[in-house]
Amino acid sequence: MEFMTVKDFFKNDAFAAGAGVELLEVGNGTARTRMKITPAHLNGGGVCQGGAIFTLADLAFAAAVNSHAQLTYSIWSHIQFFKSENSGWLYAEAREIFNRGRLSSAEISVTNEAGDLVASFSGMGYHKGTELPFKAIED
């Protein structure tokens, strides 16, 4: 059987990949993603569409809460937008703040290349009790 990593597992996220979101790194309850804003990401007002930013943050959330190799699905999420962008790279950094029993919660900051806060995402996940095909990340 071929060894799979958490990054390999998330290569199967066709929606995030189609949106241009890349998973840069994953740690124990942490993750970092990025997305280059292209004309396809722009809304009618000429700025990056909120759904694209949500997808960037959501993949960071998913990688962070699934880093323990237990299948975890989002059951609640919330995003706040602070600054609009129409070009360059956006980054999302996730940090799990709670993980006990069946629940996990994480906070994600989305920033631009200068480090300015673009959006803040919070999410809660539910552990399904199914092991994933990679080794849990432990620090």
N, C-alpha and C. Protein backbone atom coordinates (compact mmCIF):
# COMPACT_ATOMS: atom_id res chain seq x y z
N MET A 1 0.84 -1.18 0.00
CA MET A 1 0.00 0.00 0.00
C MET A 1 0.89 1.25 0.00
N GLU A 2 0.58 2.18 -0.85
CA GLU A 2 1.35 3.40 -0.98
C GLU A 2 1.07 4.32 0.21
N PHE A 3 2.12 4.96 0.74
CA PHE A 3 1.98 5.88 1.86
C PHE A 3 1.35 7.18 1.39
N MET A 4 0.32 7.62 2.07
CA MET A 4 -0.36 8.86 1.72
C MET A 4 -0.14 9.86 2.85
N THR A 5 0.01 11.13 2.49
CA THR A 5 0.09 12.20 3.49
C THR A 5 -1.22 12.97 3.48
N VAL A 6 -1.39 13.82 4.47
CA VAL A 6 -2.59 14.66 4.52
C VAL A 6 -2.65 15.57 3.28
N LYS A 7 -1.48 16.04 2.83
CA LYS A 7 -1.47 16.87 1.61
C LYS A 7 -1.91 16.06 0.40
N ASP A 8 -1.48 14.80 0.31
CA ASP A 8 -1.94 13.93 -0.78
C ASP A 8 -3.46 13.76 -0.73
N PHE A 9 -3.97 13.56 0.46
CA PHE A 9 -5.42 13.36 0.64
C PHE A 9 -6.20 14.56 0.10
N PHE A 10 -5.74 15.76 0.40
CA PHE A 10 -6.48 16.95 -0.01
C PHE A 10 -6.27 17.33 -1.47
N LYS A 11 -5.39 16.62 -2.18
CA LYS A 11 -5.31 16.80 -3.63
C LYS A 11 -6.60 16.33 -4.29
N ASN A 12 -7.39 15.53 -3.56
CA ASN A 12 -8.67 15.03 -4.07
C ASN A 12 -9.79 16.07 -3.95
N ASP A 13 -9.50 17.23 -3.38
CA ASP A 13 -10.52 18.27 -3.27
C ASP A 13 -10.59 19.01 -4.61
N ALA A 14 -11.41 18.49 -5.50
CA ALA A 14 -11.49 19.01 -6.85
C ALA A 14 -12.01 20.45 -6.89
N PHE A 15 -12.92 20.80 -5.99
CA PHE A 15 -13.46 22.15 -6.01
C PHE A 15 -12.39 23.17 -5.66
N ALA A 16 -11.66 22.93 -4.57
CA ALA A 16 -10.59 23.85 -4.16
C ALA A 16 -9.52 23.94 -5.24
N ALA A 17 -9.14 22.80 -5.81
CA ALA A 17 -8.12 22.81 -6.87
C ALA A 17 -8.62 23.61 -8.08
N GLY A 18 -9.88 23.43 -8.44
CA GLY A 18 -10.44 24.16 -9.56
C GLY A 18 -10.50 25.67 -9.32
N ALA A 19 -10.57 26.05 -8.04
CA ALA A 19 -10.58 27.47 -7.68
C ALA A 19 -9.17 28.03 -7.57
N GLY A 20 -8.15 27.16 -7.75
CA GLY A 20 -6.77 27.61 -7.69
C GLY A 20 -6.19 27.65 -6.29
N VAL A 21 -6.82 26.97 -5.34
CA VAL A 21 -6.34 26.96 -3.96
C VAL A 21 -5.29 25.86 -3.80
N GLU A 22 -4.16 26.22 -3.19
CA GLU A 22 -3.06 25.28 -2.93
C GLU A 22 -2.89 25.10 -1.43
N LEU A 23 -2.70 23.87 -1.01
CA LEU A 23 -2.39 23.55 0.38
C LEU A 23 -0.87 23.59 0.54
N LEU A 24 -0.37 24.58 1.26
CA LEU A 24 1.08 24.77 1.40
C LEU A 24 1.68 23.92 2.49
N GLU A 25 1.04 23.88 3.66
CA GLU A 25 1.59 23.11 4.77
C GLU A 25 0.48 22.73 5.74
N VAL A 26 0.72 21.62 6.45
CA VAL A 26 -0.21 21.12 7.45
C VAL A 26 0.60 20.68 8.66
N GLY A 27 0.15 21.06 9.83
CA GLY A 27 0.75 20.62 11.09
C GLY A 27 -0.34 20.03 11.97
N ASN A 28 -0.01 19.80 13.21
CA ASN A 28 -0.96 19.27 14.18
C ASN A 28 -1.99 20.35 14.50
N GLY A 29 -3.15 20.29 13.85
CA GLY A 29 -4.20 21.28 14.07
C GLY A 29 -3.94 22.62 13.41
N THR A 30 -3.03 22.66 12.44
CA THR A 30 -2.73 23.89 11.72
C THR A 30 -2.64 23.62 10.23
N ALA A 31 -2.82 24.67 9.44
CA ALA A 31 -2.67 24.53 7.99
C ALA A 31 -2.53 25.91 7.38
N ARG A 32 -1.91 25.93 6.20
CA ARG A 32 -1.74 27.19 5.45
C ARG A 32 -2.03 26.91 3.98
N THR A 33 -2.86 27.78 3.38
CA THR A 33 -3.21 27.67 1.97
C THR A 33 -2.95 29.00 1.28
N ARG A 34 -2.95 28.96 -0.06
CA ARG A 34 -2.81 30.21 -0.82
C ARG A 34 -3.60 30.11 -2.11
N MET A 35 -3.88 31.29 -2.68
CA MET A 35 -4.60 31.37 -3.94
C MET A 35 -4.19 32.66 -4.64
N LYS A 36 -3.81 32.53 -5.91
CA LYS A 36 -3.50 33.70 -6.72
C LYS A 36 -4.81 34.20 -7.32
N ILE A 37 -5.10 35.48 -7.10
CA ILE A 37 -6.32 36.06 -7.66
C ILE A 37 -6.14 36.23 -9.16
N THR A 38 -7.07 35.65 -9.91
CA THR A 38 -7.06 35.76 -11.37
C THR A 38 -8.36 36.46 -11.81
N PRO A 39 -8.47 36.83 -13.07
CA PRO A 39 -9.73 37.42 -13.54
C PRO A 39 -10.95 36.53 -13.27
N ALA A 40 -10.76 35.22 -13.23
CA ALA A 40 -11.88 34.30 -12.97
C ALA A 40 -12.40 34.40 -11.54
N HIS A 41 -11.61 34.99 -10.62
CA HIS A 41 -12.03 35.14 -9.23
C HIS A 41 -12.80 36.44 -8.98
N LEU A 42 -12.84 37.33 -9.95
CA LEU A 42 -13.42 38.65 -9.73
C LEU A 42 -14.94 38.64 -9.87
N ASN A 43 -15.59 39.41 -9.00
CA ASN A 43 -17.04 39.53 -9.08
C ASN A 43 -17.41 40.72 -9.97
N GLY A 44 -18.68 41.06 -10.03
CA GLY A 44 -19.13 42.15 -10.89
C GLY A 44 -18.55 43.50 -10.52
N GLY A 45 -18.15 43.66 -9.27
CA GLY A 45 -17.55 44.90 -8.82
C GLY A 45 -16.05 44.98 -9.06
N GLY A 46 -15.48 43.90 -9.63
CA GLY A 46 -14.06 43.90 -9.95
C GLY A 46 -13.13 43.50 -8.81
N VAL A 47 -13.69 42.91 -7.74
CA VAL A 47 -12.85 42.45 -6.64
C VAL A 47 -13.05 40.94 -6.44
N CYS A 48 -12.15 40.32 -5.70
CA CYS A 48 -12.21 38.87 -5.49
C CYS A 48 -13.54 38.49 -4.84
N GLN A 49 -14.21 37.56 -5.46
CA GLN A 49 -15.52 37.10 -5.03
C GLN A 49 -15.42 36.43 -3.65
N GLY A 50 -16.41 36.69 -2.79
CA GLY A 50 -16.40 36.14 -1.43
C GLY A 50 -16.34 34.63 -1.39
N GLY A 51 -16.98 33.97 -2.34
CA GLY A 51 -16.95 32.51 -2.38
C GLY A 51 -15.56 31.96 -2.61
N ALA A 52 -14.76 32.67 -3.39
CA ALA A 52 -13.37 32.23 -3.63
C ALA A 52 -12.56 32.35 -2.34
N ILE A 53 -12.76 33.45 -1.61
CA ILE A 53 -12.05 33.63 -0.34
C ILE A 53 -12.52 32.60 0.67
N PHE A 54 -13.82 32.31 0.69
CA PHE A 54 -14.36 31.27 1.57
C PHE A 54 -13.70 29.92 1.26
N THR A 55 -13.59 29.59 -0.02
CA THR A 55 -12.98 28.31 -0.40
C THR A 55 -11.53 28.23 0.06
N LEU A 56 -10.79 29.32 -0.07
CA LEU A 56 -9.40 29.37 0.41
C LEU A 56 -9.34 29.07 1.90
N ALA A 57 -10.18 29.75 2.68
CA ALA A 57 -10.20 29.54 4.14
C ALA A 57 -10.72 28.16 4.51
N ASP A 58 -11.72 27.68 3.77
CA ASP A 58 -12.33 26.39 4.08
C ASP A 58 -11.35 25.24 3.88
N LEU A 59 -10.49 25.31 2.88
CA LEU A 59 -9.50 24.24 2.70
C LEU A 59 -8.49 24.26 3.85
N ALA A 60 -8.08 25.44 4.30
CA ALA A 60 -7.18 25.52 5.45
C ALA A 60 -7.85 24.92 6.69
N PHE A 61 -9.12 25.26 6.88
CA PHE A 61 -9.90 24.69 7.99
C PHE A 61 -9.93 23.16 7.91
N ALA A 62 -10.28 22.65 6.73
CA ALA A 62 -10.41 21.20 6.55
C ALA A 62 -9.09 20.49 6.82
N ALA A 63 -8.00 21.02 6.33
CA ALA A 63 -6.70 20.37 6.55
C ALA A 63 -6.32 20.39 8.02
N ALA A 64 -6.57 21.50 8.70
CA ALA A 64 -6.22 21.61 10.12
C ALA A 64 -7.01 20.62 10.97
N VAL A 65 -8.34 20.56 10.78
CA VAL A 65 -9.15 19.70 11.64
C VAL A 65 -9.08 18.22 11.24
N ASN A 66 -8.64 17.93 10.02
CA ASN A 66 -8.45 16.54 9.61
C ASN A 66 -7.01 16.06 9.81
N SER A 67 -6.13 16.91 10.32
CA SER A 67 -4.72 16.55 10.51
C SER A 67 -4.53 15.41 11.49
N HIS A 68 -5.56 15.09 12.27
CA HIS A 68 -5.50 14.01 13.26
C HIS A 68 -5.89 12.67 12.65
N ALA A 69 -6.10 12.65 11.33
CA ALA A 69 -6.44 11.43 10.57
C ALA A 69 -7.80 10.86 10.96
N GLN A 70 -8.70 11.72 11.41
CA GLN A 70 -10.08 11.35 11.69
C GLN A 70 -10.97 12.20 10.78
N LEU A 71 -11.79 11.54 9.96
CA LEU A 71 -12.64 12.26 9.02
C LEU A 71 -13.52 13.26 9.76
N THR A 72 -13.37 14.53 9.39
CA THR A 72 -14.09 15.61 10.06
C THR A 72 -14.73 16.50 9.01
N TYR A 73 -16.03 16.68 9.14
CA TYR A 73 -16.79 17.53 8.23
C TYR A 73 -17.21 18.81 8.94
N SER A 74 -17.26 19.88 8.20
CA SER A 74 -17.73 21.15 8.73
C SER A 74 -19.22 21.07 9.03
N ILE A 75 -19.61 21.54 10.22
CA ILE A 75 -21.03 21.61 10.56
C ILE A 75 -21.48 23.06 10.76
N TRP A 76 -20.53 23.97 10.81
CA TRP A 76 -20.85 25.38 10.98
C TRP A 76 -19.65 26.20 10.56
N SER A 77 -19.88 27.29 9.87
CA SER A 77 -18.78 28.20 9.53
C SER A 77 -19.32 29.60 9.36
N HIS A 78 -18.42 30.56 9.56
CA HIS A 78 -18.77 31.97 9.48
C HIS A 78 -17.57 32.72 8.93
N ILE A 79 -17.81 33.67 8.06
CA ILE A 79 -16.71 34.46 7.51
C ILE A 79 -17.08 35.94 7.59
N GLN A 80 -16.09 36.76 7.88
CA GLN A 80 -16.23 38.21 7.88
C GLN A 80 -15.20 38.77 6.91
N PHE A 81 -15.62 39.67 6.06
CA PHE A 81 -14.71 40.29 5.09
C PHE A 81 -14.35 41.69 5.56
N PHE A 82 -13.07 42.03 5.50
CA PHE A 82 -12.60 43.33 5.98
C PHE A 82 -12.00 44.19 4.89
N LYS A 83 -11.43 43.58 3.87
CA LYS A 83 -10.70 44.33 2.85
C LYS A 83 -10.89 43.62 1.52
N SER A 84 -11.13 44.37 0.47
CA SER A 84 -11.27 43.75 -0.85
C SER A 84 -9.92 43.75 -1.57
N GLU A 85 -9.75 42.76 -2.43
CA GLU A 85 -8.53 42.60 -3.21
C GLU A 85 -8.93 42.26 -4.65
N ASN A 86 -8.11 42.69 -5.62
CA ASN A 86 -8.41 42.33 -7.01
C ASN A 86 -7.20 41.75 -7.74
N SER A 87 -6.08 41.57 -7.04
CA SER A 87 -4.90 40.96 -7.65
C SER A 87 -3.98 40.46 -6.56
N GLY A 88 -2.97 39.69 -6.97
CA GLY A 88 -1.97 39.19 -6.02
C GLY A 88 -2.39 37.88 -5.38
N TRP A 89 -1.63 37.52 -4.35
CA TRP A 89 -1.85 36.27 -3.62
C TRP A 89 -2.61 36.54 -2.34
N LEU A 90 -3.49 35.60 -1.99
CA LEU A 90 -4.14 35.57 -0.69
C LEU A 90 -3.68 34.31 0.04
N TYR A 91 -3.54 34.43 1.35
CA TYR A 91 -3.10 33.31 2.19
C TYR A 91 -4.10 33.09 3.31
N ALA A 92 -4.34 31.84 3.65
CA ALA A 92 -5.20 31.50 4.79
C ALA A 92 -4.39 30.66 5.76
N GLU A 93 -4.43 31.05 7.02
CA GLU A 93 -3.70 30.32 8.06
C GLU A 93 -4.71 29.87 9.12
N ALA A 94 -4.78 28.55 9.31
CA ALA A 94 -5.74 27.95 10.23
C ALA A 94 -5.04 27.48 11.50
N ARG A 95 -5.76 27.66 12.61
CA ARG A 95 -5.28 27.18 13.91
C ARG A 95 -6.46 26.58 14.66
N GLU A 96 -6.35 25.30 14.96
CA GLU A 96 -7.40 24.63 15.72
C GLU A 96 -7.36 25.16 17.15
N ILE A 97 -8.52 25.55 17.67
CA ILE A 97 -8.58 26.09 19.02
C ILE A 97 -9.28 25.15 20.00
N PHE A 98 -9.94 24.11 19.48
CA PHE A 98 -10.64 23.15 20.32
C PHE A 98 -10.72 21.83 19.59
N ASN A 99 -10.45 20.74 20.29
CA ASN A 99 -10.58 19.40 19.71
C ASN A 99 -10.81 18.42 20.86
N ARG A 100 -12.08 18.03 21.04
CA ARG A 100 -12.40 17.08 22.10
C ARG A 100 -13.66 16.32 21.71
N GLY A 101 -13.65 15.04 21.95
CA GLY A 101 -14.81 14.22 21.62
C GLY A 101 -15.07 14.25 20.13
N ARG A 102 -16.27 14.57 19.74
CA ARG A 102 -16.65 14.60 18.32
C ARG A 102 -16.50 15.98 17.69
N LEU A 103 -16.13 17.01 18.47
CA LEU A 103 -16.10 18.37 17.94
C LEU A 103 -14.69 18.94 17.85
N SER A 104 -14.52 19.77 16.83
CA SER A 104 -13.28 20.49 16.62
C SER A 104 -13.65 21.88 16.13
N SER A 105 -12.86 22.88 16.54
CA SER A 105 -13.13 24.24 16.11
C SER A 105 -11.80 24.89 15.71
N ALA A 106 -11.85 25.74 14.68
CA ALA A 106 -10.63 26.40 14.22
C ALA A 106 -10.94 27.83 13.80
N GLU A 107 -9.91 28.66 13.91
CA GLU A 107 -9.97 30.04 13.45
C GLU A 107 -8.99 30.20 12.31
N ILE A 108 -9.40 30.92 11.27
CA ILE A 108 -8.58 31.09 10.08
C ILE A 108 -8.50 32.58 9.75
N SER A 109 -7.27 33.05 9.53
CA SER A 109 -7.05 34.42 9.08
C SER A 109 -6.67 34.39 7.62
N VAL A 110 -7.31 35.23 6.82
CA VAL A 110 -6.98 35.37 5.40
C VAL A 110 -6.28 36.72 5.25
N THR A 111 -5.09 36.69 4.68
CA THR A 111 -4.30 37.91 4.51
C THR A 111 -3.84 38.06 3.06
N ASN A 112 -3.46 39.28 2.71
CA ASN A 112 -2.88 39.52 1.39
C ASN A 112 -1.36 39.41 1.49
N GLU A 113 -0.67 39.70 0.40
CA GLU A 113 0.79 39.58 0.36
C GLU A 113 1.49 40.49 1.36
N ALA A 114 0.88 41.62 1.70
CA ALA A 114 1.47 42.57 2.65
C ALA A 114 1.18 42.17 4.10
N GLY A 115 0.38 41.13 4.29
CA GLY A 115 0.02 40.69 5.63
C GLY A 115 -1.21 41.37 6.20
N ASP A 116 -1.90 42.18 5.38
CA ASP A 116 -3.13 42.84 5.83
C ASP A 116 -4.25 41.82 5.95
N LEU A 117 -5.06 41.94 6.99
CA LEU A 117 -6.19 41.04 7.19
C LEU A 117 -7.28 41.33 6.17
N VAL A 118 -7.63 40.33 5.39
CA VAL A 118 -8.67 40.44 4.36
C VAL A 118 -9.99 39.86 4.87
N ALA A 119 -9.90 38.74 5.60
CA ALA A 119 -11.11 38.09 6.12
C ALA A 119 -10.75 37.24 7.33
N SER A 120 -11.76 36.96 8.13
CA SER A 120 -11.62 36.08 9.29
C SER A 120 -12.70 35.01 9.19
N PHE A 121 -12.31 33.76 9.33
CA PHE A 121 -13.20 32.61 9.16
C PHE A 121 -13.15 31.80 10.45
N SER A 122 -14.29 31.36 10.92
CA SER A 122 -14.38 30.45 12.06
C SER A 122 -15.19 29.24 11.63
N GLY A 123 -14.79 28.08 12.09
CA GLY A 123 -15.53 26.89 11.72
C GLY A 123 -15.54 25.85 12.82
N MET A 124 -16.58 25.02 12.81
CA MET A 124 -16.67 23.89 13.73
C MET A 124 -16.84 22.63 12.90
N GLY A 125 -16.12 21.60 13.29
CA GLY A 125 -16.19 20.34 12.59
C GLY A 125 -16.69 19.22 13.48
N TYR A 126 -17.24 18.19 12.84
CA TYR A 126 -17.74 17.00 13.52
C TYR A 126 -16.91 15.80 13.08
N HIS A 127 -16.27 15.14 14.06
CA HIS A 127 -15.49 13.93 13.78
C HIS A 127 -16.45 12.77 13.54
N LYS A 128 -16.38 12.18 12.35
CA LYS A 128 -17.30 11.11 11.96
C LYS A 128 -16.95 9.76 12.58
N GLY A 129 -15.73 9.62 13.13
CA GLY A 129 -15.33 8.34 13.68
C GLY A 129 -14.71 7.42 12.64
N THR A 130 -14.35 7.97 11.49
CA THR A 130 -13.74 7.21 10.40
C THR A 130 -12.28 7.60 10.28
N GLU A 131 -11.39 6.61 10.29
CA GLU A 131 -9.97 6.89 10.13
C GLU A 131 -9.66 7.23 8.68
N LEU A 132 -8.77 8.20 8.50
CA LEU A 132 -8.34 8.60 7.16
C LEU A 132 -7.07 7.84 6.79
N PRO A 133 -6.78 7.74 5.47
CA PRO A 133 -5.66 6.90 4.99
C PRO A 133 -4.29 7.57 5.06
N PHE A 134 -4.03 8.28 6.14
CA PHE A 134 -2.69 8.85 6.36
C PHE A 134 -2.42 8.88 7.85
N LYS A 135 -1.16 9.05 8.19
CA LYS A 135 -0.76 9.07 9.59
C LYS A 135 -1.11 10.43 10.20
N ALA A 136 -1.67 10.41 11.40
CA ALA A 136 -2.00 11.65 12.11
C ALA A 136 -0.73 12.47 12.33
N ILE A 137 -0.86 13.77 12.23
CA ILE A 137 0.28 14.67 12.45
C ILE A 137 0.34 14.97 13.94
N GLU A 138 1.46 14.66 14.53
CA GLU A 138 1.67 14.93 15.96
C GLU A 138 2.95 15.74 16.11
N ASP A 139 2.86 16.78 16.92
CA ASP A 139 4.06 17.60 17.16
C ASP A 139 4.74 17.17 18.44
